Amino acid sequence: MNYTILVLLQLLIAHILTDFVLQPTSWILHKRKHKIKSIYLLLHALIAGMLTYLFLQEWEMWVVPLIIFVSHYFIDLWKLNARKDNLVYFLWDQFFHLVVIVLAWLFLVDAFGEVGQFLGNIVNSPKILALIIGYLTIIFPVGFLVEKGTKRWRDDLEKNEGEEESLKYAGRYIGIFERILVITFILIGNFSAIGFLIAAKSILRFNEKSGKSSRKQTEYVLIGTLMSFAISIVIGFLIRVFFFQ
């Protein structure tokens, strides 16, 4: 295996084991309660450095595990002192860890000079730009388009039934994930999976409610779903035909 990729995998597996496998719930609770005074905060960061050292097996490069240890400690301390323990802070926490890992990786493989070239290749690659634009389009503009396109039916439902009890923004995120899946299936040529998605969601929604208003609710959801799928399929095929044929 290419040495460059191997080093990155070694750094990543050390991080995953540290943060998600070798950290009992009791440690997490103790850290949240005692923060900087928690012995498990120090032990957790120490494990991150030790695992990095063991996986890399670059015994003379002890500075890298040391950096992982110190950075892991302070990143986790920052998260422990955050106002909320939610998804946003979890993602920021993992993002900071990954930034340190990538910097350590670039240092170990002596590839800092290639970063600019890599970014330049992305900016100058029609295929990569088309993919980025495609995914950004189906995540953001298409979501607003579907929301506006189905507004009159949603208003009608809310007028007749009152606001429906559901998870806040659940429909929006469901739509985003289903569009991501649709365009991905189109790009990899797995068209049958799209039909499975539509069928699965249709069955779920038809069995979700019973009563006089269930038909309107189901029709509203299916209109939004089909509109979302249709736009995603068109975008996926355009990218596939013009950039990957």
Protein backbone atom coordinates (compact mmCIF):
# COMPACT_ATOMS: atom_id res chain seq x y z
CA MET A 1 0.00 0.00 0.00
CA ASN A 2 1.15 3.53 -0.72
CA TYR A 3 3.05 4.87 2.31
CA THR A 4 1.22 8.20 2.20
CA ILE A 5 -2.21 6.58 2.47
CA LEU A 6 -0.96 4.11 5.10
CA VAL A 7 0.18 6.91 7.42
CA LEU A 8 -3.20 8.68 7.14
CA LEU A 9 -5.05 5.43 7.92
CA GLN A 10 -2.82 4.81 10.93
CA LEU A 11 -3.55 8.28 12.31
CA LEU A 12 -7.28 7.90 11.71
CA ILE A 13 -7.61 4.48 13.32
CA ALA A 14 -5.76 5.73 16.39
CA HIS A 15 -8.24 8.60 16.67
CA ILE A 16 -11.32 6.43 16.12
CA LEU A 17 -10.21 3.90 18.73
CA THR A 18 -9.44 6.68 21.20
CA ASP A 19 -12.66 8.66 20.82
CA PHE A 20 -15.23 5.97 20.10
CA VAL A 21 -13.98 2.58 21.27
CA LEU A 22 -11.66 3.02 24.25
CA GLN A 23 -13.65 5.71 26.06
CA PRO A 24 -16.25 4.27 28.48
CA THR A 25 -19.39 6.22 29.27
CA SER A 26 -18.23 6.57 32.87
CA TRP A 27 -15.17 8.50 31.65
CA ILE A 28 -17.33 10.83 29.56
CA LEU A 29 -19.65 11.55 32.48
CA HIS A 30 -16.72 12.13 34.83
CA LYS A 31 -15.12 14.56 32.35
CA ARG A 32 -18.36 16.50 31.93
CA LYS A 33 -18.74 16.82 35.67
CA HIS A 34 -15.17 17.64 36.68
CA LYS A 35 -13.82 19.10 33.40
CA ILE A 36 -10.16 20.10 33.79
CA LYS A 37 -9.95 18.33 37.16
CA SER A 38 -10.95 14.99 35.66
CA ILE A 39 -8.11 12.47 35.55
CA TYR A 40 -9.88 10.77 32.65
CA LEU A 41 -9.43 13.85 30.47
CA LEU A 42 -5.67 13.50 30.81
CA LEU A 43 -5.82 9.70 30.44
CA HIS A 44 -7.99 9.96 27.33
CA ALA A 45 -5.56 12.38 25.66
CA LEU A 46 -2.64 10.19 26.70
CA ILE A 47 -4.26 7.18 25.04
CA ALA A 48 -4.64 9.23 21.84
CA GLY A 49 -0.90 9.98 21.82
CA MET A 50 0.14 6.45 22.75
CA LEU A 51 -2.04 4.79 20.10
CA THR A 52 -0.72 7.21 17.48
CA TYR A 53 2.84 6.30 18.48
CA LEU A 54 2.11 2.56 18.37
CA PHE A 55 0.32 2.60 15.02
CA LEU A 56 2.85 4.85 13.29
CA GLN A 57 5.88 2.89 14.55
CA GLU A 58 8.03 5.87 13.68
CA TRP A 59 9.88 5.77 17.01
CA GLU A 60 12.11 8.74 16.26
CA MET A 61 9.07 10.91 15.38
CA TRP A 62 7.86 11.17 18.99
CA VAL A 63 6.93 14.82 18.41
CA VAL A 64 3.85 13.81 16.38
CA PRO A 65 2.25 11.67 19.14
CA LEU A 66 3.12 14.47 21.57
CA ILE A 67 1.27 17.00 19.41
CA ILE A 68 -1.71 14.62 19.14
CA PHE A 69 -1.72 14.22 22.93
CA VAL A 70 -1.57 17.95 23.69
CA SER A 71 -4.05 18.98 20.99
CA HIS A 72 -6.49 16.23 21.96
CA TYR A 73 -6.39 17.38 25.57
CA PHE A 74 -7.11 21.03 24.82
CA ILE A 75 -9.72 20.34 22.12
CA ASP A 76 -11.64 18.08 24.50
CA LEU A 77 -11.27 20.64 27.29
CA TRP A 78 -12.74 23.29 25.00
CA LYS A 79 -15.70 21.04 24.26
CA LEU A 80 -16.23 20.25 27.94
CA ASN A 81 -16.44 23.97 28.69
CA ALA A 82 -18.84 24.67 25.84
CA ARG A 83 -22.31 25.90 26.70
CA LYS A 84 -24.07 22.92 25.14
CA ASP A 85 -23.22 19.31 24.46
CA ASN A 86 -24.97 18.93 21.12
CA LEU A 87 -24.33 17.84 17.54
CA VAL A 88 -22.80 21.18 16.54
CA TYR A 89 -20.12 21.05 19.23
CA PHE A 90 -19.50 17.37 18.53
CA LEU A 91 -18.88 18.14 14.84
CA TRP A 92 -16.59 21.06 15.69
CA ASP A 93 -14.70 18.84 18.13
CA GLN A 94 -14.16 16.17 15.47
CA PHE A 95 -13.29 18.80 12.87
CA PHE A 96 -10.50 20.22 15.05
CA HIS A 97 -9.15 16.74 15.74
CA LEU A 98 -9.14 15.98 12.00
CA VAL A 99 -7.36 19.24 11.22
CA VAL A 100 -4.56 18.25 13.62
CA ILE A 101 -4.46 14.75 12.13
CA VAL A 102 -4.20 16.08 8.57
CA LEU A 103 -1.44 18.51 9.56
CA ALA A 104 0.44 15.70 11.31
CA TRP A 105 -0.03 13.51 8.24
CA LEU A 106 1.31 16.20 5.90
CA PHE A 107 4.30 16.67 8.19
CA LEU A 108 5.07 12.94 8.33
CA VAL A 109 4.90 12.44 4.56
CA ASP A 110 6.50 15.82 3.83
CA ALA A 111 3.63 16.87 1.56
CA PHE A 112 2.93 20.46 2.60
CA GLY A 113 4.18 21.64 -0.77
CA GLU A 114 1.62 19.48 -2.57
CA VAL A 115 -1.40 21.01 -0.81
CA GLY A 116 -1.48 24.02 -3.11
CA GLN A 117 -1.18 21.79 -6.16
CA PHE A 118 -4.01 19.57 -4.88
CA LEU A 119 -6.31 22.54 -4.30
CA GLY A 120 -5.39 23.87 -7.72
CA ASN A 121 -6.32 20.54 -9.31
CA ILE A 122 -9.73 20.72 -7.62
CA VAL A 123 -10.41 24.25 -8.81
CA ASN A 124 -9.31 23.41 -12.35
CA SER A 125 -11.12 20.07 -12.64
CA PRO A 126 -14.52 20.30 -14.40
CA LYS A 127 -15.57 16.91 -13.01
CA ILE A 128 -14.84 17.79 -9.39
CA LEU A 129 -16.45 21.23 -9.72
CA ALA A 130 -19.51 19.65 -11.33
CA LEU A 131 -19.82 17.21 -8.41
CA ILE A 132 -19.45 19.97 -5.82
CA ILE A 133 -22.00 22.18 -7.60
CA GLY A 134 -24.39 19.23 -8.02
CA TYR A 135 -24.38 18.27 -4.35
CA LEU A 136 -24.57 21.88 -3.15
CA THR A 137 -27.50 22.48 -5.48
CA ILE A 138 -29.55 19.51 -4.32
CA ILE A 139 -28.81 20.27 -0.65
CA PHE A 140 -29.65 23.99 -0.63
CA PRO A 141 -31.46 25.56 -3.64
CA VAL A 142 -33.55 22.47 -4.42
CA GLY A 143 -34.69 22.29 -0.80
CA PHE A 144 -35.96 25.87 -0.94
CA LEU A 145 -37.56 25.19 -4.33
CA VAL A 146 -39.49 22.16 -3.03
CA GLU A 147 -40.51 24.06 0.08
CA LYS A 148 -41.88 26.95 -1.97
CA GLY A 149 -43.46 24.62 -4.53
CA THR A 150 -45.46 22.73 -1.91
CA LYS A 151 -46.32 25.73 0.27
CA ARG A 152 -49.96 26.04 -0.82
CA TRP A 153 -50.70 22.42 0.09
CA ARG A 154 -48.87 22.74 3.40
CA ASP A 155 -50.84 25.91 4.20
CA ASP A 156 -54.07 24.09 3.32
CA LEU A 157 -53.21 21.23 5.69
CA GLU A 158 -52.29 23.57 8.52
CA LYS A 159 -55.46 25.58 7.95
CA ASN A 160 -57.72 22.54 8.16
CA GLU A 161 -55.83 20.56 10.79
CA GLY A 162 -53.65 23.01 12.60
CA GLU A 163 -49.90 22.58 12.72
CA GLU A 164 -48.94 18.94 12.43
CA GLU A 165 -47.08 17.38 15.32
CA SER A 166 -43.70 16.33 14.00
CA LEU A 167 -40.03 16.74 14.73
CA LYS A 168 -38.78 20.24 14.00
CA TYR A 169 -37.09 20.46 10.58
CA ALA A 170 -37.34 16.66 10.24
CA GLY A 171 -38.90 16.89 6.77
CA ARG A 172 -36.17 19.25 5.59
CA TYR A 173 -33.37 16.92 6.66
CA ILE A 174 -35.15 13.86 5.29
CA GLY A 175 -35.38 15.65 1.95
CA ILE A 176 -31.69 16.57 2.00
CA PHE A 177 -30.57 13.02 2.72
CA GLU A 178 -32.88 11.46 0.14
CA ARG A 179 -31.66 13.88 -2.56
CA ILE A 180 -28.05 13.09 -1.67
CA LEU A 181 -28.83 9.39 -2.04
CA VAL A 182 -30.65 9.91 -5.34
CA ILE A 183 -27.87 11.90 -7.01
CA THR A 184 -25.27 9.44 -5.66
CA PHE A 185 -27.20 6.47 -7.06
CA ILE A 186 -27.45 8.26 -10.42
CA LEU A 187 -23.71 8.98 -10.53
CA ILE A 188 -22.74 5.41 -9.68
CA GLY A 189 -25.35 3.98 -12.06
CA ASN A 190 -27.47 2.21 -9.42
CA PHE A 191 -30.85 3.33 -10.80
CA SER A 192 -32.91 0.54 -9.23
CA ALA A 193 -32.07 1.84 -5.74
CA ILE A 194 -33.96 5.05 -6.52
CA GLY A 195 -37.16 3.08 -7.11
CA PHE A 196 -36.60 1.30 -3.82
CA LEU A 197 -36.31 4.66 -2.03
CA ILE A 198 -39.55 5.95 -3.54
CA ALA A 199 -41.41 2.71 -2.75
CA ALA A 200 -40.11 2.57 0.82
CA LYS A 201 -41.09 6.15 1.58
CA SER A 202 -44.48 5.75 -0.08
CA ILE A 203 -45.32 2.64 1.96
CA LEU A 204 -44.15 4.33 5.14
CA ARG A 205 -46.28 7.42 4.59
CA PHE A 206 -49.40 5.54 3.50
CA ASN A 207 -49.29 3.51 6.71
CA GLU A 208 -48.36 6.45 8.90
CA LYS A 209 -51.81 7.92 9.46
CA SER A 210 -55.44 6.97 9.38
CA GLY A 211 -58.46 9.21 9.21
CA LYS A 212 -60.07 11.76 6.95
CA SER A 213 -57.00 13.96 6.62
CA SER A 214 -54.57 11.12 5.88
CA ARG A 215 -55.15 11.27 2.11
CA LYS A 216 -54.33 14.97 1.89
CA GLN A 217 -51.27 14.55 4.09
CA THR A 218 -50.03 11.60 2.06
CA GLU A 219 -50.58 13.40 -1.25
CA TYR A 220 -48.73 16.45 0.04
CA VAL A 221 -45.75 14.34 1.09
CA LEU A 222 -45.69 12.42 -2.19
CA ILE A 223 -45.82 15.63 -4.23
CA GLY A 224 -42.84 16.98 -2.33
CA THR A 225 -41.00 13.68 -2.58
CA LEU A 226 -41.54 13.27 -6.32
CA MET A 227 -40.62 16.91 -6.97
CA SER A 228 -37.45 16.46 -4.92
CA PHE A 229 -36.57 13.19 -6.65
CA ALA A 230 -37.30 14.50 -10.14
CA ILE A 231 -35.03 17.52 -9.77
CA SER A 232 -32.26 15.42 -8.23
CA ILE A 233 -32.49 12.85 -11.04
CA VAL A 234 -32.27 15.55 -13.71
CA ILE A 235 -29.23 17.15 -12.04
CA GLY A 236 -27.59 13.75 -11.59
CA PHE A 237 -28.11 12.79 -15.23
CA LEU A 238 -26.81 16.14 -16.46
CA ILE A 239 -23.60 15.70 -14.47
CA ARG A 240 -23.28 12.07 -15.57
CA VAL A 241 -23.86 12.78 -19.28
CA PHE A 242 -21.73 15.91 -19.64
CA PHE A 243 -18.86 15.14 -17.28
CA PHE A 244 -18.59 11.38 -16.76
CA GLN A 245 -19.29 9.83 -20.15
